[in-house]
Amino acid sequence: MHFSKQKFDLHSTVVFLDVDGTLVADKEETLSAEVLAAVTKLSKDNEVYLASNGKAERAEGIAKLHHLKTLPKLHKPLLSKAVKTAKGERSVVVIGDKFLTDGVFALLLGARFLKVDRIIGKDESTYTKGIYALDDLVWGCVPYISLLRPYQWIKNLLVFSPLFFAGALFVPNALSASLAAFAAFCLAASAVYVLNDIFDREQDKEHPKKQERSIASGRVSVSCAYLFVFLLSAALLSILWLLPILAPVLIAYAALNVAYSAWFKHIAILDILCVAVFYIMRVFAGGAATGIAVSNWLIVCVFFLSLFIIVGKRRAEFRLEKRRKVLAQYSKKFLDGLLFVSAALAVAAYGAYTIFGNSSPFIFYTTIFVAAALFRVINRLYTNPAEAEVPEKMLVQDPWILGSFALWGCSLLYIFYVTPAG
């Protein structure tokens, strides 16, 4: 559906509106009466900015001609200070006709992307038609990629932790086994995510953000989703055929996920503990794949850190009017207390490990980076609670959190693999 015929249920939102292909055909400059009326209507309850990949002067000219706002010197999908200033802490939507530019721009902003049908020009080149054909192909794959939730795969890096802390990261056979375990957990976790989306589709339709999920929005049918689960399971079985030692851990992971989805996620405290166990299972998978014994120190540290992340997510969701049912059994005050307790225990557990669980005289100082990252997360939880609903994204989007973990990782890499004392 074209922009002029689209009905947008947006209020008090910052809207970045693409120009070429969305409001006018490529290289044209005059908005039709229908498009102008639609932009005017959208501008009544929202703050609308024109954004274009073309020349800034052209976008400015269209904006001035039709009394609209624009962001000069903006080139999607790159971010700029102007964009951050305009959006502030308000909800943001990007409307455009091309996913590879407008959609990626929305992803980098952490905004919703609303795709509209493009306005086709009179004399489009073969190159332009090819680009749009590629975009349509990618856009067709996006709902299925979204179902996989690849941003969640960051948690699966825990399978490398036994290898890393054992000082065997660069042992070829062990590294390849860990990579296989990582791939297996990505497939298993994604299959579970798809099943959860199938079971929760009616509830997701009532959620302000989850209603955009592929199944809840109707972009992927339930039958296609089940077929997708089958394909993911087949790929997973092929890995287990080559590395059967992973089977017990993954079977336990799948069984606990089923129990969690059916019962445990509705029981306060047990729902949090179950998710924390999922994190620990990734560590055991890494140990099983490589034959490396998993340290008790590692389990304790991962448990409290995962508990902190999960509680932070629950607290962020607590403010929503429509939220998961189990939160009715919690109070905000209790979640605040649990958040600080889990953060303190995570830092204390890691600090104890650096003193009693390792012989290096330098590793203790890496506790500073762990504490800095957790304190920054807590700060973001209270200043931007919406970000904490998806903590995996917040960990990589906040430069201070990402920087703290990068310094922590580089320090440990140097201590374990470069210094003799490691």
Protein backbone atom coordinates (compact mmCIF):
# COMPACT_ATOMS: atom_id res chain seq x y z
CA MET A 1 0.00 0.00 0.00
CA HIS A 2 1.29 3.45 -0.94
CA PHE A 3 2.05 6.06 1.70
CA SER A 4 -0.89 8.27 0.69
CA LYS A 5 -3.34 5.38 1.19
CA GLN A 6 -1.78 4.01 4.39
CA LYS A 7 -3.49 4.52 7.74
CA PHE A 8 -0.94 5.22 10.48
CA ASP A 9 -2.02 4.90 14.11
CA LEU A 10 0.73 7.16 15.43
CA HIS A 11 0.52 9.79 18.14
CA SER A 12 3.24 11.93 19.78
CA THR A 13 5.85 10.10 17.75
CA VAL A 14 8.99 11.29 15.96
CA VAL A 15 8.60 10.20 12.34
CA PHE A 16 11.47 10.05 9.84
CA LEU A 17 9.84 10.02 6.44
CA ASP A 18 11.72 8.86 3.36
CA VAL A 19 11.45 11.02 0.22
CA ASP A 20 12.45 9.06 -2.92
CA GLY A 21 10.06 6.24 -3.71
CA THR A 22 7.89 7.03 -0.68
CA LEU A 23 6.62 10.58 -1.24
CA VAL A 24 7.74 11.08 -4.83
CA ALA A 25 9.25 8.95 -7.57
CA ASP A 26 13.05 9.04 -7.81
CA LYS A 27 14.36 12.44 -9.03
CA GLU A 28 10.93 14.10 -8.86
CA GLU A 29 10.35 17.02 -6.50
CA THR A 30 6.64 17.82 -6.35
CA LEU A 31 4.39 15.96 -3.93
CA SER A 32 0.98 14.99 -5.27
CA ALA A 33 -2.10 16.42 -3.57
CA GLU A 34 -2.86 13.00 -2.03
CA VAL A 35 0.64 12.58 -0.62
CA LEU A 36 0.74 16.13 0.72
CA ALA A 37 -2.62 15.61 2.44
CA ALA A 38 -1.33 12.38 4.02
CA VAL A 39 1.86 14.11 5.24
CA THR A 40 -0.18 17.00 6.67
CA LYS A 41 -2.45 14.57 8.50
CA LEU A 42 0.54 12.68 9.89
CA SER A 43 2.14 15.93 11.04
CA LYS A 44 -0.85 16.97 13.17
CA ASP A 45 -0.14 14.54 16.04
CA ASN A 46 3.52 13.73 15.31
CA GLU A 47 6.83 15.44 14.68
CA VAL A 48 7.69 14.60 11.08
CA TYR A 49 11.12 14.98 9.44
CA LEU A 50 11.97 14.29 5.83
CA ALA A 51 15.02 12.09 5.38
CA SER A 52 16.67 11.23 2.09
CA ASN A 53 19.70 9.38 0.76
CA GLY A 54 19.85 11.89 -2.07
CA LYS A 55 21.28 15.37 -2.00
CA ALA A 56 20.45 17.30 1.16
CA GLU A 57 19.56 20.37 -0.90
CA ARG A 58 16.85 18.44 -2.73
CA ALA A 59 15.23 17.23 0.50
CA GLU A 60 15.45 20.74 1.93
CA GLY A 61 13.84 22.13 -1.23
CA ILE A 62 10.92 19.73 -0.99
CA ALA A 63 10.53 20.49 2.72
CA LYS A 64 10.49 24.28 2.16
CA LEU A 65 8.11 24.01 -0.78
CA HIS A 66 5.58 22.11 1.30
CA HIS A 67 6.35 23.72 4.72
CA LEU A 68 7.83 20.54 6.20
CA LYS A 69 10.81 19.82 8.44
CA THR A 70 13.96 18.08 7.30
CA LEU A 71 17.26 16.86 8.67
CA PRO A 72 20.11 18.36 6.64
CA LYS A 73 23.26 16.38 5.96
CA LEU A 74 21.53 13.12 6.85
CA HIS A 75 22.48 10.05 4.88
CA LYS A 76 20.71 6.84 5.84
CA PRO A 77 21.49 4.42 7.34
CA LEU A 78 24.26 6.34 9.14
CA LEU A 79 23.39 8.05 12.41
CA SER A 80 24.05 11.69 13.19
CA LYS A 81 23.76 14.01 16.16
CA ALA A 82 20.80 15.65 14.44
CA VAL A 83 18.87 12.38 14.52
CA LYS A 84 19.61 11.72 18.17
CA THR A 85 18.65 15.26 19.11
CA ALA A 86 15.38 15.08 17.21
CA LYS A 87 14.26 11.75 18.62
CA GLY A 88 15.26 12.35 22.24
CA GLU A 89 13.64 9.71 24.42
CA ARG A 90 10.37 9.57 22.47
CA SER A 91 9.12 6.67 20.37
CA VAL A 92 10.44 6.78 16.83
CA VAL A 93 9.11 5.42 13.54
CA VAL A 94 10.81 5.32 10.15
CA ILE A 95 8.51 5.20 7.12
CA GLY A 96 10.03 4.25 3.78
CA ASP A 97 9.86 2.08 0.70
CA LYS A 98 13.23 0.35 0.92
CA PHE A 99 14.40 -1.94 3.71
CA LEU A 100 18.10 -1.84 2.79
CA THR A 101 18.22 1.89 3.56
CA ASP A 102 15.14 2.95 5.50
CA GLY A 103 14.80 -0.33 7.38
CA VAL A 104 18.47 -0.49 8.36
CA PHE A 105 18.23 3.16 9.41
CA ALA A 106 15.35 2.20 11.71
CA LEU A 107 17.33 -0.71 13.16
CA LEU A 108 20.27 1.55 13.99
CA LEU A 109 17.94 4.03 15.63
CA GLY A 110 16.14 1.32 17.57
CA ALA A 111 12.93 2.48 15.88
CA ARG A 112 9.95 0.79 14.26
CA PHE A 113 10.06 0.49 10.50
CA LEU A 114 6.88 0.81 8.44
CA LYS A 115 7.40 -0.24 4.84
CA VAL A 116 5.14 1.20 2.14
CA ASP A 117 4.85 0.42 -1.55
CA ARG A 118 7.17 2.53 -3.67
CA ILE A 119 6.13 5.11 -6.18
CA ILE A 120 7.45 3.92 -9.55
CA GLY A 121 9.03 6.54 -11.80
CA LYS A 122 8.42 6.87 -15.51
CA ASP A 123 11.95 6.12 -16.75
CA GLU A 124 13.57 3.88 -14.15
CA SER A 125 16.93 2.40 -15.08
CA THR A 126 17.67 -1.31 -15.03
CA TYR A 127 20.01 -0.66 -12.10
CA THR A 128 17.21 0.94 -10.05
CA LYS A 129 14.83 -1.91 -10.85
CA GLY A 130 17.52 -4.41 -9.84
CA ILE A 131 18.12 -2.68 -6.51
CA TYR A 132 14.42 -2.72 -5.71
CA ALA A 133 14.17 -6.40 -6.74
CA LEU A 134 17.03 -7.21 -4.33
CA ASP A 135 15.33 -5.18 -1.62
CA ASP A 136 12.09 -7.08 -2.12
CA LEU A 137 13.99 -10.36 -1.81
CA VAL A 138 15.70 -9.29 1.40
CA TRP A 139 12.44 -7.91 2.79
CA GLY A 140 10.78 -11.25 2.10
CA CYS A 141 13.44 -12.98 4.22
CA VAL A 142 13.30 -10.45 7.07
CA PRO A 143 10.25 -11.98 8.84
CA TYR A 144 12.02 -15.33 9.05
CA ILE A 145 15.32 -13.78 10.13
CA SER A 146 13.37 -11.86 12.76
CA LEU A 147 11.85 -15.12 14.01
CA LEU A 148 15.38 -16.41 14.63
CA ARG A 149 16.12 -13.39 16.86
CA PRO A 150 19.82 -13.33 15.95
CA TYR A 151 20.47 -10.53 18.46
CA GLN A 152 19.74 -13.14 21.15
CA TRP A 153 22.64 -15.27 19.94
CA ILE A 154 25.01 -13.09 21.94
CA LYS A 155 24.00 -15.23 24.94
CA ASN A 156 25.31 -18.31 23.14
CA LEU A 157 28.84 -16.93 23.34
CA LEU A 158 28.79 -18.47 26.81
CA VAL A 159 29.61 -21.82 25.18
CA PHE A 160 33.13 -20.45 24.61
CA SER A 161 33.63 -19.55 28.29
CA PRO A 162 35.05 -22.92 29.48
CA LEU A 163 37.48 -22.85 26.55
CA PHE A 164 38.48 -19.24 27.19
CA PHE A 165 39.04 -19.54 30.93
CA ALA A 166 40.95 -22.81 30.47
CA GLY A 167 43.47 -21.02 28.25
CA ALA A 168 42.63 -23.24 25.27
CA LEU A 169 40.95 -20.69 23.01
CA PHE A 170 43.48 -21.19 20.21
CA VAL A 171 43.54 -25.00 20.28
CA PRO A 172 42.08 -25.87 16.83
CA ASN A 173 40.10 -29.00 17.73
CA ALA A 174 38.64 -27.47 20.89
CA LEU A 175 37.78 -24.24 19.08
CA SER A 176 35.98 -26.06 16.24
CA ALA A 177 34.01 -28.10 18.80
CA SER A 178 32.99 -24.88 20.56
CA LEU A 179 31.92 -23.34 17.26
CA ALA A 180 29.74 -26.39 16.60
CA ALA A 181 28.22 -26.05 20.07
CA PHE A 182 27.58 -22.36 19.42
CA ALA A 183 25.80 -23.15 16.14
CA ALA A 184 23.78 -25.91 17.81
CA PHE A 185 22.57 -23.61 20.57
CA CYS A 186 21.72 -20.88 18.07
CA LEU A 187 19.55 -23.34 16.15
CA ALA A 188 17.98 -24.80 19.29
CA ALA A 189 17.29 -21.39 20.83
CA SER A 190 15.84 -20.03 17.57
CA ALA A 191 13.56 -23.05 17.20
CA VAL A 192 12.29 -22.44 20.73
CA TYR A 193 11.75 -18.73 19.97
CA VAL A 194 9.64 -19.62 16.93
CA LEU A 195 7.55 -22.08 18.96
CA ASN A 196 7.05 -19.47 21.69
CA ASP A 197 5.93 -16.94 19.09
CA ILE A 198 3.43 -19.47 17.74
CA PHE A 199 1.99 -20.21 21.18
CA ASP A 200 2.00 -16.56 22.32
CA ARG A 201 0.72 -15.00 19.10
CA GLU A 202 -2.65 -13.93 20.52
CA GLN A 203 -1.05 -12.39 23.60
CA ASP A 204 1.63 -10.71 21.47
CA LYS A 205 -1.06 -9.00 19.38
CA GLU A 206 -2.04 -7.01 22.48
CA HIS A 207 1.54 -5.94 23.31
CA PRO A 208 2.67 -2.50 22.03
CA LYS A 209 5.96 -3.88 20.67
CA LYS A 210 5.47 -7.63 20.35
CA GLN A 211 2.55 -7.07 17.98
CA GLU A 212 5.20 -6.32 15.33
CA ARG A 213 6.61 -9.85 15.57
CA SER A 214 6.40 -11.87 12.37
CA ILE A 215 3.68 -14.30 13.44
CA ALA A 216 1.61 -11.89 15.52
CA SER A 217 1.61 -9.37 12.67
CA GLY A 218 0.59 -12.02 10.15
CA ARG A 219 3.72 -11.72 7.98
CA VAL A 220 4.48 -15.40 8.65
CA SER A 221 1.62 -17.91 8.82
CA VAL A 222 1.44 -20.49 11.59
CA SER A 223 1.90 -23.35 9.11
CA CYS A 224 5.03 -21.73 7.65
CA ALA A 225 6.33 -21.15 11.17
CA TYR A 226 5.97 -24.84 12.02
CA LEU A 227 7.77 -25.74 8.78
CA PHE A 228 10.55 -23.32 9.77
CA VAL A 229 10.87 -25.08 13.15
CA PHE A 230 11.20 -28.40 11.31
CA LEU A 231 14.02 -27.05 9.12
CA LEU A 232 15.86 -25.62 12.14
CA SER A 233 15.48 -28.95 13.96
CA ALA A 234 16.84 -30.83 10.95
CA ALA A 235 19.91 -28.58 10.86
CA LEU A 236 20.37 -29.08 14.60
CA LEU A 237 20.19 -32.87 14.26
CA SER A 238 22.91 -32.76 11.62
CA ILE A 239 25.24 -31.07 14.13
CA LEU A 240 24.33 -33.57 16.85
CA TRP A 241 25.11 -36.38 14.41
CA LEU A 242 28.66 -35.04 14.20
CA LEU A 243 28.91 -34.08 17.88
CA PRO A 244 26.58 -36.43 19.81
CA ILE A 245 28.04 -35.47 23.19
CA LEU A 246 25.95 -32.28 23.01
CA ALA A 247 22.69 -34.23 22.84
CA PRO A 248 22.06 -34.59 26.63
CA VAL A 249 22.50 -30.87 27.28
CA LEU A 250 20.36 -29.82 24.34
CA ILE A 251 17.63 -32.35 25.19
CA ALA A 252 17.58 -31.01 28.75
CA TYR A 253 17.51 -27.45 27.37
CA ALA A 254 14.58 -28.26 25.09
CA ALA A 255 12.67 -30.11 27.83
CA LEU A 256 13.11 -27.29 30.33
CA ASN A 257 12.03 -24.78 27.68
CA VAL A 258 8.82 -26.73 27.10
CA ALA A 259 8.17 -26.87 30.85
CA TYR A 260 8.95 -23.16 31.13
CA SER A 261 6.58 -22.21 28.31
CA ALA A 262 3.79 -24.41 29.65
CA TRP A 263 4.05 -23.86 33.42
CA PHE A 264 7.14 -22.30 34.96
CA LYS A 265 6.90 -18.90 33.27
CA HIS A 266 3.63 -18.34 35.11
CA ILE A 267 5.16 -18.91 38.57
CA ALA A 268 6.97 -16.01 40.25
CA ILE A 269 10.67 -16.55 41.08
CA LEU A 270 10.65 -19.91 39.31
CA ASP A 271 10.30 -18.10 35.99
CA ILE A 272 13.46 -16.07 36.68
CA LEU A 273 15.45 -19.05 37.96
CA CYS A 274 14.54 -21.13 34.89
CA VAL A 275 15.87 -18.52 32.50
CA ALA A 276 19.07 -18.27 34.57
CA VAL A 277 19.48 -22.04 34.22
CA PHE A 278 19.22 -21.65 30.43
CA TYR A 279 22.34 -19.46 30.57
CA ILE A 280 24.20 -22.05 32.65
CA MET A 281 23.27 -24.81 30.20
CA ARG A 282 25.17 -22.93 27.51
CA VAL A 283 28.28 -23.09 29.69
CA PHE A 284 27.83 -26.84 30.23
CA ALA A 285 27.41 -27.31 26.48
CA GLY A 286 30.76 -25.61 25.89
CA GLY A 287 32.38 -27.85 28.48
CA ALA A 288 30.83 -30.99 27.05
CA ALA A 289 31.84 -30.17 23.48
CA THR A 290 35.50 -29.60 24.40
CA GLY A 291 35.88 -32.07 27.24
CA ILE A 292 36.86 -29.23 29.59
CA ALA A 293 35.62 -29.45 33.19
CA VAL A 294 33.35 -26.50 34.02
CA SER A 295 34.58 -24.52 37.01
CA ASN A 296 32.21 -23.88 39.91
CA TRP A 297 33.42 -20.29 39.88
CA LEU A 298 32.24 -19.93 36.30
CA ILE A 299 28.81 -21.34 37.11
CA VAL A 300 28.32 -19.01 40.10
CA CYS A 301 29.40 -15.92 38.15
CA VAL A 302 27.19 -16.75 35.16
CA PHE A 303 24.22 -17.51 37.40
CA PHE A 304 24.25 -14.18 39.23
CA LEU A 305 25.03 -12.19 36.09
CA SER A 306 22.17 -13.82 34.20
CA LEU A 307 19.89 -13.27 37.19
CA PHE A 308 20.77 -9.58 37.09
CA ILE A 309 19.95 -9.34 33.36
CA ILE A 310 16.65 -11.21 33.72
CA VAL A 311 15.47 -9.15 36.69
CA GLY A 312 16.39 -5.97 34.83
CA LYS A 313 14.22 -7.08 31.93
CA ARG A 314 11.31 -7.91 34.24
CA ARG A 315 11.60 -4.53 35.92
CA ALA A 316 11.57 -2.75 32.55
CA GLU A 317 8.43 -4.64 31.54
CA PHE A 318 6.75 -3.89 34.87
CA ARG A 319 6.00 -0.31 33.82
CA LEU A 320 3.95 -1.42 30.79
CA GLU A 321 0.18 -1.47 30.96
CA LYS A 322 0.05 -4.72 29.02
CA ARG A 323 2.74 -7.03 30.33
CA ARG A 324 3.41 -10.72 31.00
CA LYS A 325 0.95 -12.20 33.48
CA VAL A 326 3.55 -13.41 35.97
CA LEU A 327 4.47 -9.80 36.78
CA ALA A 328 1.17 -9.52 38.65
CA GLN A 329 2.85 -11.71 41.29
CA TYR A 330 5.75 -9.26 41.66
CA SER A 331 6.04 -5.76 43.07
CA LYS A 332 8.25 -3.01 41.72
CA LYS A 333 9.93 -2.65 45.12
CA PHE A 334 10.79 -6.35 45.20
CA LEU A 335 12.23 -6.26 41.68
CA ASP A 336 14.34 -3.22 42.61
CA GLY A 337 15.71 -5.07 45.62
CA LEU A 338 16.38 -8.23 43.64
CA LEU A 339 18.11 -6.18 40.94
CA PHE A 340 20.60 -4.65 43.37
CA VAL A 341 21.15 -7.92 45.24
CA SER A 342 21.88 -9.85 42.03
CA ALA A 343 24.24 -7.08 40.82
CA ALA A 344 26.11 -7.10 44.14
CA LEU A 345 26.37 -10.90 44.13
CA ALA A 346 27.58 -10.94 40.52
CA VAL A 347 30.39 -8.47 41.29
CA ALA A 348 31.22 -10.24 44.58
CA ALA A 349 31.30 -13.68 42.92
CA TYR A 350 33.59 -12.49 40.16
CA GLY A 351 35.80 -10.64 42.67
CA ALA A 352 36.08 -13.81 44.77
CA TYR A 353 37.04 -15.79 41.67
CA THR A 354 39.83 -13.33 40.82
CA ILE A 355 41.26 -13.73 44.34
CA PHE A 356 40.73 -17.42 45.12
CA GLY A 357 40.08 -19.07 41.76
CA ASN A 358 43.03 -17.79 39.70
CA SER A 359 46.77 -17.50 40.25
CA SER A 360 47.31 -14.29 38.29
CA PRO A 361 48.12 -11.22 40.43
CA PHE A 362 46.59 -8.94 37.81
CA ILE A 363 43.15 -10.44 37.18
CA PHE A 364 41.63 -8.86 40.30
CA TYR A 365 41.78 -5.45 38.63
CA THR A 366 39.43 -6.59 35.86
CA THR A 367 36.66 -6.47 38.49
CA ILE A 368 36.60 -2.72 37.83
CA PHE A 369 35.34 -3.32 34.29
CA VAL A 370 32.65 -5.75 35.45
CA ALA A 371 31.41 -3.33 38.11
CA ALA A 372 31.46 -0.41 35.66
CA ALA A 373 29.37 -2.35 33.11
CA LEU A 374 26.78 -3.44 35.69
CA PHE A 375 26.49 0.04 37.19
CA ARG A 376 25.98 1.48 33.72
CA VAL A 377 23.25 -1.09 33.02
CA ILE A 378 21.48 -0.14 36.25
CA ASN A 379 21.67 3.52 35.28
CA ARG A 380 20.14 2.77 31.87
CA LEU A 381 17.40 0.72 33.52
CA TYR A 382 16.25 3.79 35.43
CA THR A 383 16.87 6.47 32.80
CA ASN A 384 15.77 4.49 29.70
CA PRO A 385 13.71 1.53 30.92
CA ALA A 386 12.40 0.76 27.42
CA GLU A 387 15.91 -0.31 26.35
CA ALA A 388 16.08 -2.91 29.11
CA GLU A 389 13.14 -4.82 27.61
CA VAL A 390 15.72 -6.22 25.18
CA PRO A 391 18.93 -6.27 27.27
CA GLU A 392 20.90 -8.06 24.53
CA LYS A 393 20.51 -5.02 22.29
CA MET A 394 21.32 -2.58 25.09
CA LEU A 395 24.59 -4.38 25.80
CA VAL A 396 25.86 -3.76 22.28
CA GLN A 397 24.22 -0.38 21.59
CA ASP A 398 25.45 1.47 24.67
CA PRO A 399 29.10 2.46 24.02
CA TRP A 400 30.01 2.56 27.71
CA ILE A 401 28.66 -0.92 28.43
CA LEU A 402 30.18 -2.34 25.27
CA GLY A 403 33.48 -0.57 26.00
CA SER A 404 33.61 -1.93 29.57
CA PHE A 405 33.09 -5.49 28.39
CA ALA A 406 35.60 -5.03 25.58
CA LEU A 407 38.25 -3.82 28.04
CA TRP A 408 37.39 -6.70 30.35
CA GLY A 409 37.72 -9.24 27.54
CA CYS A 410 40.97 -7.77 26.20
CA SER A 411 42.46 -7.68 29.71
CA LEU A 412 41.64 -11.33 30.33
CA LEU A 413 42.94 -12.27 26.89
CA TYR A 414 46.26 -10.63 27.73
CA ILE A 415 46.41 -12.16 31.21
CA PHE A 416 45.52 -15.72 30.13
CA TYR A 417 47.36 -15.90 26.84
CA VAL A 418 50.25 -13.42 26.98
CA THR A 419 51.57 -13.02 30.53
CA PRO A 420 53.37 -16.00 32.08
CA ALA A 421 51.47 -15.44 35.32
CA GLY A 422 48.17 -16.14 33.51
